[in-house]
């Protein structure tokens, strides 16, 4: 699954990853961000996610754009054993796109175009 972040340069965007636990056992995951631009992505609630039986939760993934080029990373959710129960490893591709640039400041200058 790919999660796309689109927004203005230097802005922070947040996307939610919705997780469900259909089983009758508690599941626990460790979240890890890896890849070329992993430092530009973060998890607002920490790196551990616990899902009670038959419950659901959201993970907020934040991205702050620093460059015009697209950023890429991968969100991995590794299952930790809870009472001998393991969930499947979940993988999400994170990609960004800068679709707007706001100027920080506008400077007006006067200069001759040509001098002999």
N, C-alpha and C. Protein backbone atom coordinates (compact mmCIF):
# COMPACT_ATOMS: atom_id res chain seq x y z
N UNK A 1 0.84 -1.17 0.00
CA UNK A 1 0.00 0.00 0.00
C UNK A 1 0.89 1.25 0.00
N UNK A 2 0.51 2.23 -0.80
CA UNK A 2 1.27 3.49 -0.87
C UNK A 2 0.47 4.61 -0.21
N UNK A 3 1.14 5.37 0.63
CA UNK A 3 0.55 6.54 1.26
C UNK A 3 1.22 7.75 0.66
N UNK A 4 0.42 8.63 0.05
CA UNK A 4 0.97 9.80 -0.65
C UNK A 4 0.74 11.07 0.15
N UNK A 5 1.80 11.85 0.28
CA UNK A 5 1.76 13.14 0.96
C UNK A 5 1.96 14.22 -0.10
N UNK A 6 0.98 15.08 -0.29
CA UNK A 6 1.09 16.17 -1.26
C UNK A 6 0.79 17.48 -0.55
N UNK A 7 1.65 18.47 -0.78
CA UNK A 7 1.44 19.75 -0.12
C UNK A 7 2.51 20.74 -0.50
N UNK A 8 2.53 21.85 0.25
CA UNK A 8 3.44 22.95 -0.02
C UNK A 8 4.83 22.65 0.53
N UNK A 9 5.82 23.25 -0.10
CA UNK A 9 7.20 23.15 0.37
C UNK A 9 7.29 23.70 1.79
N UNK A 10 8.01 23.03 2.66
CA UNK A 10 8.24 23.37 4.07
C UNK A 10 7.00 23.22 4.94
N UNK A 11 5.97 22.57 4.44
CA UNK A 11 4.78 22.34 5.27
C UNK A 11 4.84 20.95 5.89
N UNK A 12 4.06 20.75 6.93
CA UNK A 12 3.95 19.43 7.57
C UNK A 12 2.59 18.85 7.24
N UNK A 13 2.62 17.62 6.73
CA UNK A 13 1.40 16.92 6.35
C UNK A 13 1.24 15.69 7.24
N UNK A 14 0.01 15.34 7.56
CA UNK A 14 -0.27 14.19 8.41
C UNK A 14 -1.23 13.26 7.68
N UNK A 15 -0.90 11.98 7.69
CA UNK A 15 -1.78 10.94 7.14
C UNK A 15 -2.02 9.92 8.23
N UNK A 16 -3.21 9.32 8.21
CA UNK A 16 -3.56 8.29 9.19
C UNK A 16 -3.53 6.92 8.55
N UNK A 17 -2.92 5.99 9.26
CA UNK A 17 -2.94 4.59 8.86
C UNK A 17 -3.90 3.89 9.81
N UNK A 18 -4.96 3.32 9.26
CA UNK A 18 -6.00 2.68 10.07
C UNK A 18 -5.70 1.19 10.21
N UNK A 19 -5.58 0.72 11.45
CA UNK A 19 -5.28 -0.69 11.72
C UNK A 19 -6.44 -1.33 12.46
N UNK A 20 -6.78 -2.57 12.07
CA UNK A 20 -7.85 -3.33 12.72
C UNK A 20 -7.28 -4.66 13.22
N UNK A 21 -7.79 -5.09 14.33
CA UNK A 21 -7.44 -6.41 14.87
C UNK A 21 -8.70 -7.27 14.88
N UNK A 22 -8.88 -8.13 13.88
CA UNK A 22 -10.09 -8.96 13.84
C UNK A 22 -10.01 -10.19 14.75
N UNK A 23 -8.85 -10.46 15.33
CA UNK A 23 -8.68 -11.67 16.14
C UNK A 23 -9.19 -11.46 17.57
N UNK A 24 -9.20 -12.54 18.32
CA UNK A 24 -9.64 -12.49 19.71
C UNK A 24 -8.45 -12.34 20.67
N UNK A 25 -7.26 -12.07 20.12
CA UNK A 25 -6.04 -11.90 20.92
C UNK A 25 -5.47 -10.50 20.71
N UNK A 26 -4.76 -10.00 21.70
CA UNK A 26 -4.10 -8.70 21.60
C UNK A 26 -2.91 -8.79 20.66
N UNK A 27 -2.76 -7.78 19.79
CA UNK A 27 -1.60 -7.70 18.89
C UNK A 27 -0.77 -6.48 19.27
N UNK A 28 0.56 -6.61 19.17
CA UNK A 28 1.46 -5.50 19.45
C UNK A 28 2.45 -5.40 18.29
N UNK A 29 2.66 -4.15 17.82
CA UNK A 29 3.57 -3.91 16.71
C UNK A 29 4.62 -2.89 17.10
N UNK A 30 5.82 -3.06 16.56
CA UNK A 30 6.86 -2.04 16.59
C UNK A 30 6.90 -1.39 15.22
N UNK A 31 6.83 -0.07 15.18
CA UNK A 31 6.84 0.68 13.92
C UNK A 31 8.24 1.22 13.67
N UNK A 32 8.72 1.05 12.42
CA UNK A 32 10.05 1.51 12.03
C UNK A 32 9.94 2.22 10.68
N UNK A 33 10.58 3.37 10.57
CA UNK A 33 10.66 4.10 9.31
C UNK A 33 12.05 3.89 8.72
N UNK A 34 12.12 3.41 7.49
CA UNK A 34 13.40 3.15 6.83
C UNK A 34 13.38 3.75 5.43
N UNK A 35 14.57 3.95 4.87
CA UNK A 35 14.67 4.44 3.50
C UNK A 35 15.45 5.73 3.41
N UNK A 36 15.63 6.17 2.17
CA UNK A 36 16.44 7.35 1.86
C UNK A 36 16.01 8.59 2.64
N UNK A 37 14.72 8.83 2.75
CA UNK A 37 14.21 10.05 3.37
C UNK A 37 13.45 9.78 4.67
N UNK A 38 13.78 8.69 5.35
CA UNK A 38 13.05 8.31 6.57
C UNK A 38 13.10 9.40 7.64
N UNK A 39 14.17 10.20 7.66
CA UNK A 39 14.31 11.26 8.67
C UNK A 39 13.26 12.35 8.51
N UNK A 40 12.66 12.48 7.32
CA UNK A 40 11.65 13.51 7.09
C UNK A 40 10.25 13.06 7.52
N UNK A 41 10.10 11.78 7.85
CA UNK A 41 8.83 11.22 8.30
C UNK A 41 8.93 10.92 9.79
N UNK A 42 7.81 10.99 10.50
CA UNK A 42 7.81 10.66 11.92
C UNK A 42 6.45 10.09 12.32
N UNK A 43 6.46 9.42 13.47
CA UNK A 43 5.23 8.85 14.04
C UNK A 43 4.92 9.64 15.31
N UNK A 44 3.76 10.27 15.35
CA UNK A 44 3.45 11.18 16.45
C UNK A 44 3.18 10.48 17.78
N UNK A 45 2.76 9.22 17.77
CA UNK A 45 2.42 8.53 19.02
C UNK A 45 3.47 7.53 19.46
N UNK A 46 4.65 7.60 18.91
CA UNK A 46 5.70 6.67 19.30
C UNK A 46 5.77 5.46 18.38
N UNK A 47 6.67 4.54 18.70
CA UNK A 47 6.95 3.43 17.81
C UNK A 47 6.29 2.11 18.21
N UNK A 48 5.47 2.11 19.24
CA UNK A 48 4.79 0.88 19.65
C UNK A 48 3.29 1.06 19.53
N UNK A 49 2.64 0.06 18.92
CA UNK A 49 1.19 0.10 18.73
C UNK A 49 0.60 -1.18 19.32
N UNK A 50 -0.38 -1.05 20.19
CA UNK A 50 -1.06 -2.20 20.77
C UNK A 50 -2.51 -2.19 20.34
N UNK A 51 -2.95 -3.31 19.80
CA UNK A 51 -4.34 -3.45 19.34
C UNK A 51 -5.05 -4.49 20.19
N UNK A 52 -6.04 -4.06 20.95
CA UNK A 52 -6.83 -4.98 21.76
C UNK A 52 -7.67 -5.86 20.83
N UNK A 53 -8.15 -7.00 21.32
CA UNK A 53 -8.96 -7.88 20.48
C UNK A 53 -10.20 -7.17 19.93
N UNK A 54 -10.46 -7.40 18.65
CA UNK A 54 -11.64 -6.85 17.95
C UNK A 54 -11.69 -5.32 17.99
N UNK A 55 -10.54 -4.68 18.11
CA UNK A 55 -10.47 -3.21 18.16
C UNK A 55 -9.73 -2.68 16.95
N UNK A 56 -9.72 -1.36 16.84
CA UNK A 56 -9.01 -0.68 15.76
C UNK A 56 -8.38 0.59 16.30
N UNK A 57 -7.38 1.08 15.58
CA UNK A 57 -6.69 2.30 15.98
C UNK A 57 -6.09 2.97 14.75
N UNK A 58 -5.67 4.20 14.91
CA UNK A 58 -5.00 4.95 13.85
C UNK A 58 -3.58 5.28 14.27
N UNK A 59 -2.67 5.23 13.29
CA UNK A 59 -1.30 5.70 13.49
C UNK A 59 -1.16 6.95 12.64
N UNK A 60 -0.72 8.04 13.25
CA UNK A 60 -0.48 9.28 12.50
C UNK A 60 0.97 9.31 12.01
N UNK A 61 1.13 9.45 10.70
CA UNK A 61 2.45 9.56 10.09
C UNK A 61 2.59 11.01 9.61
N UNK A 62 3.63 11.69 10.07
CA UNK A 62 3.85 13.09 9.70
C UNK A 62 5.02 13.20 8.72
N UNK A 63 4.88 14.13 7.79
CA UNK A 63 5.95 14.40 6.84
C UNK A 63 6.15 15.90 6.73
N UNK A 64 7.40 16.34 6.82
CA UNK A 64 7.74 17.75 6.62
C UNK A 64 8.62 17.84 5.39
N UNK A 65 8.13 18.56 4.38
CA UNK A 65 8.89 18.66 3.12
C UNK A 65 10.01 19.68 3.28
N UNK A 66 11.20 19.27 2.83
CA UNK A 66 12.37 20.15 2.89
C UNK A 66 12.94 20.43 1.53
N UNK A 67 12.62 19.58 0.54
CA UNK A 67 13.19 19.70 -0.79
C UNK A 67 12.10 19.60 -1.83
N UNK A 68 12.40 20.06 -3.05
CA UNK A 68 11.44 19.96 -4.15
C UNK A 68 11.31 18.54 -4.68
N UNK A 69 12.38 17.76 -4.58
CA UNK A 69 12.33 16.40 -5.11
C UNK A 69 11.40 15.55 -4.25
N UNK A 70 10.80 14.53 -4.84
CA UNK A 70 9.93 13.64 -4.06
C UNK A 70 10.72 12.89 -2.99
N UNK A 71 10.13 12.73 -1.84
CA UNK A 71 10.74 11.97 -0.75
C UNK A 71 10.11 10.58 -0.72
N UNK A 72 10.91 9.60 -0.31
CA UNK A 72 10.43 8.22 -0.24
C UNK A 72 10.95 7.56 1.03
N UNK A 73 10.09 6.75 1.63
CA UNK A 73 10.48 5.94 2.79
C UNK A 73 9.50 4.77 2.89
N UNK A 74 9.76 3.90 3.84
CA UNK A 74 8.89 2.75 4.06
C UNK A 74 8.56 2.68 5.55
N UNK A 75 7.29 2.47 5.86
CA UNK A 75 6.84 2.25 7.23
C UNK A 75 6.65 0.74 7.40
N UNK A 76 7.41 0.16 8.33
CA UNK A 76 7.30 -1.27 8.63
C UNK A 76 6.70 -1.44 10.01
N UNK A 77 5.73 -2.32 10.12
CA UNK A 77 5.13 -2.67 11.40
C UNK A 77 5.43 -4.14 11.67
N UNK A 78 6.36 -4.38 12.62
CA UNK A 78 6.77 -5.73 12.98
C UNK A 78 5.96 -6.19 14.19
N UNK A 79 5.42 -7.38 14.12
CA UNK A 79 4.64 -7.93 15.21
C UNK A 79 5.54 -8.38 16.35
N UNK A 80 5.13 -8.07 17.58
CA UNK A 80 5.79 -8.57 18.78
C UNK A 80 4.87 -9.61 19.40
N UNK A 81 5.44 -10.62 19.97
CA UNK A 81 4.65 -11.70 20.55
C UNK A 81 3.93 -11.23 21.81
N UNK A 82 2.62 -11.49 21.87
CA UNK A 82 1.82 -11.24 23.06
C UNK A 82 1.10 -12.55 23.36
N UNK A 83 1.56 -13.27 24.36
CA UNK A 83 0.95 -14.55 24.69
C UNK A 83 1.12 -15.59 23.59
N UNK A 84 2.24 -15.51 22.86
CA UNK A 84 2.51 -16.47 21.79
C UNK A 84 1.82 -16.16 20.47
N UNK A 85 1.11 -15.04 20.39
CA UNK A 85 0.40 -14.67 19.17
C UNK A 85 1.21 -13.64 18.40
N UNK A 86 1.40 -13.90 17.09
CA UNK A 86 2.09 -12.96 16.21
C UNK A 86 1.13 -12.50 15.12
N UNK A 87 1.17 -11.22 14.80
CA UNK A 87 0.46 -10.71 13.64
C UNK A 87 1.38 -10.71 12.44
N UNK A 88 0.84 -10.41 11.28
CA UNK A 88 1.66 -10.35 10.07
C UNK A 88 2.42 -9.03 10.05
N UNK A 89 3.58 -9.02 9.38
CA UNK A 89 4.33 -7.79 9.20
C UNK A 89 3.62 -6.93 8.16
N UNK A 90 3.42 -5.66 8.48
CA UNK A 90 2.73 -4.74 7.58
C UNK A 90 3.75 -3.76 6.99
N UNK A 91 3.61 -3.49 5.68
CA UNK A 91 4.53 -2.60 4.98
C UNK A 91 3.74 -1.54 4.23
N UNK A 92 4.15 -0.28 4.40
CA UNK A 92 3.52 0.84 3.70
C UNK A 92 4.61 1.67 3.03
N UNK A 93 4.43 1.96 1.76
CA UNK A 93 5.34 2.83 1.02
C UNK A 93 4.89 4.28 1.24
N UNK A 94 5.81 5.16 1.59
CA UNK A 94 5.52 6.57 1.84
C UNK A 94 6.17 7.40 0.74
N UNK A 95 5.37 8.22 0.06
CA UNK A 95 5.89 9.06 -1.03
C UNK A 95 5.33 10.46 -0.89
N UNK A 96 6.14 11.43 -1.29
CA UNK A 96 5.69 12.83 -1.20
C UNK A 96 5.78 13.52 -2.54
N UNK A 97 5.03 14.61 -2.62
CA UNK A 97 5.05 15.46 -3.81
C UNK A 97 4.82 16.90 -3.37
N UNK A 98 5.72 17.79 -3.79
CA UNK A 98 5.54 19.22 -3.53
C UNK A 98 4.72 19.79 -4.68
N UNK A 99 3.52 20.27 -4.37
CA UNK A 99 2.65 20.78 -5.42
C UNK A 99 2.38 22.28 -5.29
N UNK A 100 3.07 22.92 -4.35
CA UNK A 100 2.85 24.36 -4.16
C UNK A 100 4.06 24.95 -3.44
N UNK A 101 4.46 26.15 -3.85
CA UNK A 101 5.58 26.83 -3.20
C UNK A 101 5.12 28.23 -2.80
N UNK A 102 5.24 28.52 -1.53
CA UNK A 102 4.93 29.86 -1.02
C UNK A 102 6.24 30.60 -0.81
N UNK A 103 6.37 31.81 -1.36
CA UNK A 103 7.61 32.56 -1.13
C UNK A 103 7.73 32.98 0.33
N UNK A 104 8.94 32.92 0.86
CA UNK A 104 9.20 33.36 2.23
C UNK A 104 9.16 34.88 2.29
N UNK A 105 9.68 35.52 1.24
CA UNK A 105 9.73 36.98 1.19
C UNK A 105 9.87 37.40 -0.27
N UNK A 106 9.49 38.63 -0.56
CA UNK A 106 9.63 39.18 -1.91
C UNK A 106 10.53 40.42 -1.80
N UNK A 107 11.57 40.45 -2.62
CA UNK A 107 12.49 41.57 -2.62
C UNK A 107 12.37 42.31 -3.94
N UNK A 108 12.33 43.64 -3.89
CA UNK A 108 12.30 44.45 -5.10
C UNK A 108 13.65 45.10 -5.27
N UNK A 109 14.23 44.97 -6.45
CA UNK A 109 15.55 45.52 -6.74
C UNK A 109 15.49 46.33 -8.02
N UNK A 110 16.30 47.38 -8.08
CA UNK A 110 16.44 48.16 -9.31
C UNK A 110 17.89 48.09 -9.72
N UNK A 111 18.10 47.83 -11.00
CA UNK A 111 19.46 47.70 -11.50
C UNK A 111 19.45 48.01 -12.99
N UNK A 112 20.52 48.65 -13.48
CA UNK A 112 20.57 48.85 -14.93
C UNK A 112 20.72 47.51 -15.64
N UNK A 113 20.05 47.40 -16.78
CA UNK A 113 20.13 46.17 -17.54
C UNK A 113 21.45 46.03 -18.28
N UNK A 114 22.02 47.20 -18.68
CA UNK A 114 23.22 47.14 -19.50
C UNK A 114 24.02 48.41 -19.28
N UNK A 115 25.33 48.31 -19.15
CA UNK A 115 26.20 49.47 -19.06
C UNK A 115 27.34 49.29 -20.03
N UNK A 116 27.76 50.40 -20.68
CA UNK A 116 28.91 50.36 -21.59
C UNK A 116 30.19 50.32 -20.80
